[in-house]
Amino acid sequence: MKDAQKPDHVSLNTLIGRLREGRFVIPDFQREFEWKPWDIRELMRSIFLDYYIGSLLLWTGKKENFVALSCEAIYGFNGDARPEYIVLDGQQRLTALYYAFLAPDIALPTRANRYFYFVRVNRFMAEEYDAAFEYVLEDLSGRLTAEFGRGFDVRNLRYMRQFYLAFPIHHALGDESETTGKRNALRSESSVPAKRNALRSKSPNAAKRDALGLESGQLNVPPSLRPELSWTHYRLLLGVDDPQAREWYLREAADQHWSTRKSRR
């Protein structure tokens, strides 16, 4: 049994990264994704409140395994998959996480429209948890415009989504290198209960700030972001598909003080 796989834990941030890369595949004997919009919201609520959400049963597969079991990507995945794990148990939760965090351009099964999920930070910090976690239909543009004014048309919302995918807040959900970052892991069944209470060992406000990536009062952002660039600069950079090329143009635009007109060239 030298190749036997052992229980392990993984941080939520790492898990989202693997979902983004298409590392999880679903064998054909699994049932279809069936969760409703409110089920996904409750999962998000449980994660941010550090509730135990169960374990995953994964099989590190090989190409012949993927073929033999007619494996398919997570519902809504669109891209070049890098299959690594066959999901034996946990498909509904993994698919819900993919849908909520990565917002694929597809409606939920049995639904006519897409849904968007978000956390109201002010409500979360005020411990108004029932109002902190929300989901909305694709008419988000109209709702945001009515509440906040101009700047939230459908095209701009698509740019915002692309911006999040191109420049994710890498550490907002906890750093895997930190001991406290393990509080957001999907634990194996062997995890000790004390680890599930990592957030509670801190003061309530400190724990909530950790969960939102607001440690020490600062929002953790990718080091590549340059505050001297405008939203228009970043919107133009989204048109560069290659990440390394995009990073180069970003540095050049900031260091050479490019105007948005020069950035278009």
C-alpha atoms as a PDB file:
ATOM      1  CA  MET A   1       0.000   0.000   0.000  1.00  0.00           C
ATOM      2  CA  LYS A   2       2.922   2.345  -0.623  1.00  0.00           C
ATOM      3  CA  ASP A   3       0.742   4.409  -2.986  1.00  0.00           C
ATOM      4  CA  ALA A   4      -2.117   4.746  -0.512  1.00  0.00           C
ATOM      5  CA  GLN A   5      -3.319   8.327  -0.214  1.00  0.00           C
ATOM      6  CA  LYS A   6      -3.589   9.897   3.217  1.00  0.00           C
ATOM      7  CA  PRO A   7      -6.011  12.479   4.637  1.00  0.00           C
ATOM      8  CA  ASP A   8      -4.822  16.063   4.300  1.00  0.00           C
ATOM      9  CA  HIS A   9      -6.161  19.583   4.490  1.00  0.00           C
ATOM     10  CA  VAL A  10      -5.971  22.426   1.982  1.00  0.00           C
ATOM     11  CA  SER A  11      -6.590  26.120   2.383  1.00  0.00           C
ATOM     12  CA  LEU A  12      -9.612  27.662   0.720  1.00  0.00           C
ATOM     13  CA  ASN A  13      -7.358  29.931  -1.312  1.00  0.00           C
ATOM     14  CA  THR A  14      -5.480  26.919  -2.715  1.00  0.00           C
ATOM     15  CA  LEU A  15      -8.730  25.098  -3.376  1.00  0.00           C
ATOM     16  CA  ILE A  16     -10.105  28.021  -5.413  1.00  0.00           C
ATOM     17  CA  GLY A  17      -6.855  28.116  -7.365  1.00  0.00           C
ATOM     18  CA  ARG A  18      -7.183  24.433  -8.249  1.00  0.00           C
ATOM     19  CA  LEU A  19     -10.781  24.953  -9.289  1.00  0.00           C
ATOM     20  CA  ARG A  20      -9.688  27.826 -11.519  1.00  0.00           C
ATOM     21  CA  GLU A  21      -7.076  25.579 -13.165  1.00  0.00           C
ATOM     22  CA  GLY A  22      -9.566  22.765 -13.820  1.00  0.00           C
ATOM     23  CA  ARG A  23      -7.818  20.186 -11.658  1.00  0.00           C
ATOM     24  CA  PHE A  24     -11.035  18.531 -10.433  1.00  0.00           C
ATOM     25  CA  VAL A  25     -13.039  16.258 -12.709  1.00  0.00           C
ATOM     26  CA  ILE A  26     -16.347  14.460 -12.170  1.00  0.00           C
ATOM     27  CA  PRO A  27     -16.792  10.760 -13.089  1.00  0.00           C
ATOM     28  CA  ASP A  28     -19.879   9.812 -15.050  1.00  0.00           C
ATOM     29  CA  PHE A  29     -21.426   7.835 -12.171  1.00  0.00           C
ATOM     30  CA  GLN A  30     -21.833  11.027 -10.113  1.00  0.00           C
ATOM     31  CA  ARG A  31     -25.202  12.769 -10.083  1.00  0.00           C
ATOM     32  CA  GLU A  32     -25.551  16.144 -11.793  1.00  0.00           C
ATOM     33  CA  PHE A  33     -25.050  19.415  -9.932  1.00  0.00           C
ATOM     34  CA  GLU A  34     -28.368  20.042  -8.194  1.00  0.00           C
ATOM     35  CA  TRP A  35     -27.850  22.822  -5.674  1.00  0.00           C
ATOM     36  CA  LYS A  36     -30.163  25.820  -5.696  1.00  0.00           C
ATOM     37  CA  PRO A  37     -28.976  29.458  -5.393  1.00  0.00           C
ATOM     38  CA  TRP A  38     -29.775  29.569  -1.679  1.00  0.00           C
ATOM     39  CA  ASP A  39     -27.797  26.372  -1.059  1.00  0.00           C
ATOM     40  CA  ILE A  40     -24.685  28.061  -2.448  1.00  0.00           C
ATOM     41  CA  ARG A  41     -25.305  31.107  -0.265  1.00  0.00           C
ATOM     42  CA  GLU A  42     -25.533  28.930   2.855  1.00  0.00           C
ATOM     43  CA  LEU A  43     -22.233  27.269   1.976  1.00  0.00           C
ATOM     44  CA  MET A  44     -20.602  30.695   1.666  1.00  0.00           C
ATOM     45  CA  ARG A  45     -22.065  31.702   5.002  1.00  0.00           C
ATOM     46  CA  SER A  46     -20.735  28.552   6.666  1.00  0.00           C
ATOM     47  CA  ILE A  47     -17.240  29.111   5.270  1.00  0.00           C
ATOM     48  CA  PHE A  48     -16.963  32.722   6.416  1.00  0.00           C
ATOM     49  CA  LEU A  49     -18.353  31.836   9.843  1.00  0.00           C
ATOM     50  CA  ASP A  50     -15.830  28.999  10.115  1.00  0.00           C
ATOM     51  CA  TYR A  51     -18.406  26.243  10.378  1.00  0.00           C
ATOM     52  CA  TYR A  52     -17.355  22.719   9.516  1.00  0.00           C
ATOM     53  CA  ILE A  53     -18.519  21.935   5.980  1.00  0.00           C
ATOM     54  CA  GLY A  54     -17.377  18.349   5.669  1.00  0.00           C
ATOM     55  CA  SER A  55     -14.521  16.579   3.935  1.00  0.00           C
ATOM     56  CA  LEU A  56     -13.741  15.802   0.312  1.00  0.00           C
ATOM     57  CA  LEU A  57     -12.981  12.370  -1.063  1.00  0.00           C
ATOM     58  CA  LEU A  58     -10.589  12.714  -3.990  1.00  0.00           C
ATOM     59  CA  TRP A  59      -8.669  10.230  -6.099  1.00  0.00           C
ATOM     60  CA  THR A  60      -5.423  11.352  -7.706  1.00  0.00           C
ATOM     61  CA  GLY A  61      -6.049   9.909 -11.135  1.00  0.00           C
ATOM     62  CA  LYS A  62      -4.158   9.232 -14.328  1.00  0.00           C
ATOM     63  CA  LYS A  63      -5.141   9.743 -17.943  1.00  0.00           C
ATOM     64  CA  GLU A  64      -6.408   6.195 -18.281  1.00  0.00           C
ATOM     65  CA  ASN A  65      -8.576   6.683 -15.168  1.00  0.00           C
ATOM     66  CA  PHE A  66     -10.113   9.864 -16.570  1.00  0.00           C
ATOM     67  CA  VAL A  67     -10.946   8.051 -19.816  1.00  0.00           C
ATOM     68  CA  ALA A  68     -12.266   4.882 -18.193  1.00  0.00           C
ATOM     69  CA  LEU A  69     -14.625   6.841 -15.925  1.00  0.00           C
ATOM     70  CA  SER A  70     -15.658   9.334 -18.666  1.00  0.00           C
ATOM     71  CA  CYS A  71     -14.675  12.222 -16.409  1.00  0.00           C
ATOM     72  CA  GLU A  72     -15.858  15.749 -17.147  1.00  0.00           C
ATOM     73  CA  ALA A  73     -14.861  19.152 -15.800  1.00  0.00           C
ATOM     74  CA  ILE A  74     -16.720  20.923 -12.988  1.00  0.00           C
ATOM     75  CA  TYR A  75     -20.062  22.382 -14.123  1.00  0.00           C
ATOM     76  CA  GLY A  76     -19.469  25.750 -15.767  1.00  0.00           C
ATOM     77  CA  PHE A  77     -15.717  25.304 -16.256  1.00  0.00           C
ATOM     78  CA  ASN A  78     -14.491  26.905 -19.456  1.00  0.00           C
ATOM     79  CA  GLY A  79     -10.846  26.706 -20.346  1.00  0.00           C
ATOM     80  CA  ASP A  80      -7.932  24.329 -20.709  1.00  0.00           C
ATOM     81  CA  ALA A  81      -8.373  21.890 -17.847  1.00  0.00           C
ATOM     82  CA  ARG A  82      -5.452  20.309 -16.033  1.00  0.00           C
ATOM     83  CA  PRO A  83      -7.200  17.242 -14.553  1.00  0.00           C
ATOM     84  CA  GLU A  84      -5.568  15.808 -11.476  1.00  0.00           C
ATOM     85  CA  TYR A  85      -8.245  14.771  -8.987  1.00  0.00           C
ATOM     86  CA  ILE A  86     -11.327  12.599  -9.550  1.00  0.00           C
ATOM     87  CA  VAL A  87     -14.078  13.769  -7.187  1.00  0.00           C
ATOM     88  CA  LEU A  88     -15.640  10.784  -5.422  1.00  0.00           C
ATOM     89  CA  ASP A  89     -17.444  12.821  -2.770  1.00  0.00           C
ATOM     90  CA  GLY A  90     -17.861  16.586  -2.565  1.00  0.00           C
ATOM     91  CA  GLN A  91     -18.935  17.476  -6.102  1.00  0.00           C
ATOM     92  CA  GLN A  92     -21.857  19.668  -4.997  1.00  0.00           C
ATOM     93  CA  ARG A  93     -19.682  21.724  -2.634  1.00  0.00           C
ATOM     94  CA  LEU A  94     -16.796  22.088  -5.098  1.00  0.00           C
ATOM     95  CA  THR A  95     -19.122  23.138  -7.909  1.00  0.00           C
ATOM     96  CA  ALA A  96     -20.860  25.626  -5.604  1.00  0.00           C
ATOM     97  CA  LEU A  97     -17.491  27.141  -4.669  1.00  0.00           C
ATOM     98  CA  TYR A  98     -16.518  27.388  -8.332  1.00  0.00           C
ATOM     99  CA  TYR A  99     -19.781  29.099  -9.212  1.00  0.00           C
ATOM    100  CA  ALA A 100     -19.678  31.574  -6.322  1.00  0.00           C
ATOM    101  CA  PHE A 101     -16.007  32.544  -6.476  1.00  0.00           C
ATOM    102  CA  LEU A 102     -15.291  32.390 -10.211  1.00  0.00           C
ATOM    103  CA  ALA A 103     -18.694  33.419 -11.622  1.00  0.00           C
ATOM    104  CA  PRO A 104     -18.774  31.303 -14.807  1.00  0.00           C
ATOM    105  CA  ASP A 105     -20.765  32.672 -17.707  1.00  0.00           C
ATOM    106  CA  ILE A 106     -23.545  30.109 -17.389  1.00  0.00           C
ATOM    107  CA  ALA A 107     -26.864  29.849 -15.602  1.00  0.00           C
ATOM    108  CA  LEU A 108     -27.360  27.403 -12.776  1.00  0.00           C
ATOM    109  CA  PRO A 109     -29.068  24.136 -13.769  1.00  0.00           C
ATOM    110  CA  THR A 110     -32.867  24.518 -14.010  1.00  0.00           C
ATOM    111  CA  ARG A 111     -32.430  28.325 -13.874  1.00  0.00           C
ATOM    112  CA  ALA A 112     -32.823  30.756 -16.736  1.00  0.00           C
ATOM    113  CA  ASN A 113     -30.342  33.346 -15.432  1.00  0.00           C
ATOM    114  CA  ARG A 114     -26.919  33.552 -13.867  1.00  0.00           C
ATOM    115  CA  TYR A 115     -26.487  34.420 -10.203  1.00  0.00           C
ATOM    116  CA  PHE A 116     -23.820  36.551  -8.557  1.00  0.00           C
ATOM    117  CA  TYR A 117     -22.698  36.128  -4.952  1.00  0.00           C
ATOM    118  CA  PHE A 118     -21.150  38.725  -2.692  1.00  0.00           C
ATOM    119  CA  VAL A 119     -20.485  39.569   0.944  1.00  0.00           C
ATOM    120  CA  ARG A 120     -21.579  42.868   2.459  1.00  0.00           C
ATOM    121  CA  VAL A 121     -18.518  43.626   4.551  1.00  0.00           C
ATOM    122  CA  ASN A 122     -20.234  46.203   6.743  1.00  0.00           C
ATOM    123  CA  ARG A 123     -22.987  43.750   7.655  1.00  0.00           C
ATOM    124  CA  PHE A 124     -20.470  40.971   8.273  1.00  0.00           C
ATOM    125  CA  MET A 125     -18.403  43.158  10.615  1.00  0.00           C
ATOM    126  CA  ALA A 126     -21.582  44.158  12.443  1.00  0.00           C
ATOM    127  CA  GLU A 127     -22.393  40.450  12.919  1.00  0.00           C
ATOM    128  CA  GLU A 128     -25.572  40.813  10.860  1.00  0.00           C
ATOM    129  CA  TYR A 129     -24.870  37.511   9.192  1.00  0.00           C
ATOM    130  CA  ASP A 130     -28.320  36.907   7.743  1.00  0.00           C
ATOM    131  CA  ALA A 131     -27.974  40.103   5.698  1.00  0.00           C
ATOM    132  CA  ALA A 132     -24.235  39.795   4.983  1.00  0.00           C
ATOM    133  CA  PHE A 133     -24.390  37.040   2.374  1.00  0.00           C
ATOM    134  CA  GLU A 134     -26.432  37.716  -0.726  1.00  0.00           C
ATOM    135  CA  TYR A 135     -26.980  36.527  -4.251  1.00  0.00           C
ATOM    136  CA  VAL A 136     -28.656  38.369  -7.091  1.00  0.00           C
ATOM    137  CA  LEU A 137     -29.872  37.601 -10.579  1.00  0.00           C
ATOM    138  CA  GLU A 138     -28.161  38.882 -13.682  1.00  0.00           C
ATOM    139  CA  ASP A 139     -30.078  42.154 -13.315  1.00  0.00           C
ATOM    140  CA  LEU A 140     -27.285  43.218 -10.955  1.00  0.00           C
ATOM    141  CA  SER A 141     -26.525  46.188 -13.189  1.00  0.00           C
ATOM    142  CA  GLY A 142     -29.931  47.754 -12.613  1.00  0.00           C
ATOM    143  CA  ARG A 143     -29.812  47.197  -8.874  1.00  0.00           C
ATOM    144  CA  LEU A 144     -26.321  48.671  -8.445  1.00  0.00           C
ATOM    145  CA  THR A 145     -27.133  51.643 -10.658  1.00  0.00           C
ATOM    146  CA  ALA A 146     -30.268  52.367  -8.642  1.00  0.00           C
ATOM    147  CA  GLU A 147     -28.333  52.184  -5.374  1.00  0.00           C
ATOM    148  CA  PHE A 148     -24.984  53.777  -6.270  1.00  0.00           C
ATOM    149  CA  GLY A 149     -25.468  55.681  -9.539  1.00  0.00           C
ATOM    150  CA  ARG A 150     -23.572  55.504 -12.810  1.00  0.00           C
ATOM    151  CA  GLY A 151     -20.692  53.150 -13.563  1.00  0.00           C
ATOM    152  CA  PHE A 152     -22.409  49.772 -13.221  1.00  0.00           C
ATOM    153  CA  ASP A 153     -23.674  49.101 -16.733  1.00  0.00           C
ATOM    154  CA  VAL A 154     -23.456  45.510 -17.963  1.00  0.00           C
ATOM    155  CA  ARG A 155     -20.265  46.106 -19.947  1.00  0.00           C
ATOM    156  CA  ASN A 156     -18.509  47.615 -16.930  1.00  0.00           C
ATOM    157  CA  LEU A 157     -19.605  44.735 -14.706  1.00  0.00           C
ATOM    158  CA  ARG A 158     -18.067  42.326 -17.190  1.00  0.00           C
ATOM    159  CA  TYR A 159     -14.826  44.306 -17.003  1.00  0.00           C
ATOM    160  CA  MET A 160     -14.982  44.101 -13.198  1.00  0.00           C
ATOM    161  CA  ARG A 161     -15.378  40.343 -13.387  1.00  0.00           C
ATOM    162  CA  GLN A 162     -12.457  40.084 -15.830  1.00  0.00           C
ATOM    163  CA  PHE A 163     -10.393  42.293 -13.516  1.00  0.00           C
ATOM    164  CA  TYR A 164     -11.058  39.950 -10.581  1.00  0.00           C
ATOM    165  CA  LEU A 165     -10.039  36.917 -12.651  1.00  0.00           C
ATOM    166  CA  ALA A 166      -6.875  38.613 -13.975  1.00  0.00           C
ATOM    167  CA  PHE A 167      -5.869  40.259 -10.677  1.00  0.00           C
ATOM    168  CA  PRO A 168      -7.346  38.097  -7.888  1.00  0.00           C
ATOM    169  CA  ILE A 169      -6.931  39.066  -4.236  1.00  0.00           C
ATOM    170  CA  HIS A 170      -4.588  36.164  -3.668  1.00  0.00           C
ATOM    171  CA  HIS A 171      -4.482  36.188   0.107  1.00  0.00           C
ATOM    172  CA  ALA A 172      -7.888  37.506   1.075  1.00  0.00           C
ATOM    173  CA  LEU A 173      -8.986  34.033   2.119  1.00  0.00           C
ATOM    174  CA  GLY A 174      -5.903  33.228   4.137  1.00  0.00           C
ATOM    175  CA  ASP A 175      -2.300  32.304   3.376  1.00  0.00           C
ATOM    176  CA  GLU A 176      -1.490  28.612   3.368  1.00  0.00           C
ATOM    177  CA  SER A 177       1.841  29.374   5.009  1.00  0.00           C
ATOM    178  CA  GLU A 178       0.156  30.814   8.074  1.00  0.00           C
ATOM    179  CA  THR A 179      -1.052  28.580  10.841  1.00  0.00           C
ATOM    180  CA  THR A 180      -4.212  30.626  11.171  1.00  0.00           C
ATOM    181  CA  GLY A 181      -4.805  30.290   7.449  1.00  0.00           C
ATOM    182  CA  LYS A 182      -5.797  26.698   8.044  1.00  0.00           C
ATOM    183  CA  ARG A 183      -9.042  27.838   9.583  1.00  0.00           C
ATOM    184  CA  ASN A 184     -10.592  28.109   6.112  1.00  0.00           C
ATOM    185  CA  ALA A 185      -9.446  24.688   4.959  1.00  0.00           C
ATOM    186  CA  LEU A 186     -11.755  21.907   3.887  1.00  0.00           C
ATOM    187  CA  ARG A 187     -10.582  19.549   6.601  1.00  0.00           C
ATOM    188  CA  SER A 188     -10.355  15.822   6.374  1.00  0.00           C
ATOM    189  CA  GLU A 189     -12.373  13.839   8.861  1.00  0.00           C
ATOM    190  CA  SER A 190      -9.203  13.327  10.874  1.00  0.00           C
ATOM    191  CA  SER A 191      -8.841  17.037  11.643  1.00  0.00           C
ATOM    192  CA  VAL A 192      -9.033  17.797  15.313  1.00  0.00           C
ATOM    193  CA  PRO A 193     -11.975  19.948  16.443  1.00  0.00           C
ATOM    194  CA  ALA A 194      -9.649  22.538  17.937  1.00  0.00           C
ATOM    195  CA  LYS A 195      -8.464  23.584  14.486  1.00  0.00           C
ATOM    196  CA  ARG A 196     -12.012  24.378  13.468  1.00  0.00           C
ATOM    197  CA  ASN A 197     -12.121  26.989  16.197  1.00  0.00           C
ATOM    198  CA  ALA A 198      -9.027  28.899  15.064  1.00  0.00           C
ATOM    199  CA  LEU A 199     -11.023  32.040  14.347  1.00  0.00           C
ATOM    200  CA  ARG A 200     -12.797  31.855  17.668  1.00  0.00           C
ATOM    201  CA  SER A 201      -9.512  31.835  19.587  1.00  0.00           C
ATOM    202  CA  LYS A 202      -9.070  35.452  18.535  1.00  0.00           C
ATOM    203  CA  SER A 203     -11.156  38.424  19.413  1.00  0.00           C
ATOM    204  CA  PRO A 204     -14.379  38.562  17.349  1.00  0.00           C
ATOM    205  CA  ASN A 205     -13.339  41.607  15.335  1.00  0.00           C
ATOM    206  CA  ALA A 206      -9.842  40.261  14.654  1.00  0.00           C
ATOM    207  CA  ALA A 207     -11.270  36.959  13.477  1.00  0.00           C
ATOM    208  CA  LYS A 208     -13.680  38.673  11.113  1.00  0.00           C
ATOM    209  CA  ARG A 209     -10.937  40.883   9.713  1.00  0.00           C
ATOM    210  CA  ASP A 210      -8.827  37.767   9.061  1.00  0.00           C
ATOM    211  CA  ALA A 211     -11.674  36.054   7.230  1.00  0.00           C
ATOM    212  CA  LEU A 212     -12.031  39.017   4.881  1.00  0.00           C
ATOM    213  CA  GLY A 213      -8.300  39.552   4.351  1.00  0.00           C
ATOM    214  CA  LEU A 214      -8.280  42.756   6.386  1.00  0.00           C
ATOM    215  CA  GLU A 215      -5.495  41.853   8.778  1.00  0.00           C
ATOM    216  CA  SER A 216      -3.947  44.920  10.434  1.00  0.00           C
ATOM    217  CA  GLY A 217      -6.552  47.113   8.766  1.00  0.00           C
ATOM    218  CA  GLN A 218      -5.111  46.625   5.284  1.00  0.00           C
ATOM    219  CA  LEU A 219      -6.659  44.862   2.324  1.00  0.00           C
ATOM    220  CA  ASN A 220      -4.288  42.268   0.925  1.00  0.00           C
ATOM    221  CA  VAL A 221      -3.843  42.938  -2.787  1.00  0.00           C
ATOM    222  CA  PRO A 222      -1.546  41.332  -5.356  1.00  0.00           C
ATOM    223  CA  PRO A 223       1.840  43.075  -5.360  1.00  0.00           C
ATOM    224  CA  SER A 224       1.588  43.691  -9.108  1.00  0.00           C
ATOM    225  CA  LEU A 225      -1.254  46.216  -8.796  1.00  0.00           C
ATOM    226  CA  ARG A 226      -0.112  49.819  -9.257  1.00  0.00           C
ATOM    227  CA  PRO A 227      -2.326  52.470  -7.652  1.00  0.00           C
ATOM    228  CA  GLU A 228      -1.085  55.184 -10.019  1.00  0.00           C
ATOM    229  CA  LEU A 229      -2.917  53.499 -12.905  1.00  0.00           C
ATOM    230  CA  SER A 230      -6.541  54.361 -13.541  1.00  0.00           C
ATOM    231  CA  TRP A 231      -9.467  52.020 -14.067  1.00  0.00           C
ATOM    232  CA  THR A 232      -9.216  52.756 -17.800  1.00  0.00           C
ATOM    233  CA  HIS A 233      -5.579  51.560 -17.779  1.00  0.00           C
ATOM    234  CA  TYR A 234      -6.586  48.285 -16.164  1.00  0.00           C
ATOM    235  CA  ARG A 235      -9.534  47.877 -18.499  1.00  0.00           C
ATOM    236  CA  LEU A 236      -7.146  48.143 -21.462  1.00  0.00           C
ATOM    237  CA  LEU A 237      -4.750  45.670 -19.837  1.00  0.00           C
ATOM    238  CA  LEU A 238      -7.554  43.122 -19.657  1.00  0.00           C
ATOM    239  CA  GLY A 239      -7.298  42.853 -23.441  1.00  0.00           C
ATOM    240  CA  VAL A 240      -3.825  41.284 -23.064  1.00  0.00           C
ATOM    241  CA  ASP A 241      -4.373  37.541 -22.685  1.00  0.00           C
ATOM    242  CA  ASP A 242      -0.850  36.478 -21.792  1.00  0.00           C
ATOM    243  CA  PRO A 243      -0.266  37.064 -18.026  1.00  0.00           C
ATOM    244  CA  GLN A 244       3.462  37.779 -18.428  1.00  0.00           C
ATOM    245  CA  ALA A 245       2.847  40.247 -21.246  1.00  0.00           C
ATOM    246  CA  ARG A 246       0.089  41.889 -19.199  1.00  0.00           C
ATOM    247  CA  GLU A 247       2.480  42.241 -16.248  1.00  0.00           C
ATOM    248  CA  TRP A 248       5.110  43.830 -18.495  1.00  0.00           C
ATOM    249  CA  TYR A 249       2.669  46.368 -19.935  1.00  0.00           C
ATOM    250  CA  LEU A 250       1.407  47.123 -16.427  1.00  0.00           C
ATOM    251  CA  ARG A 251       4.915  47.927 -15.156  1.00  0.00           C
ATOM    252  CA  GLU A 252       5.762  49.957 -18.254  1.00  0.00           C
ATOM    253  CA  ALA A 253       2.538  51.980 -18.060  1.00  0.00           C
ATOM    254  CA  ALA A 254       3.165  52.786 -14.391  1.00  0.00           C
ATOM    255  CA  ASP A 255       6.923  53.395 -14.548  1.00  0.00           C
ATOM    256  CA  GLN A 256       6.794  55.427 -17.777  1.00  0.00           C
ATOM    257  CA  HIS A 257       3.632  57.305 -16.784  1.00  0.00           C
ATOM    258  CA  TRP A 258       1.744  56.258 -19.890  1.00  0.00           C
ATOM    259  CA  SER A 259      -1.494  58.054 -20.596  1.00  0.00           C
ATOM    260  CA  THR A 260      -4.518  55.960 -21.471  1.00  0.00           C
ATOM    261  CA  ARG A 261      -4.135  57.140 -25.076  1.00  0.00           C
ATOM    262  CA  LYS A 262      -0.584  55.792 -25.248  1.00  0.00           C
ATOM    263  CA  SER A 263      -1.704  52.564 -23.565  1.00  0.00           C
ATOM    264  CA  ARG A 264      -4.158  51.978 -26.416  1.00  0.00           C
ATOM    265  CA  ARG A 265      -1.410  51.889 -29.024  1.00  0.00           C
END
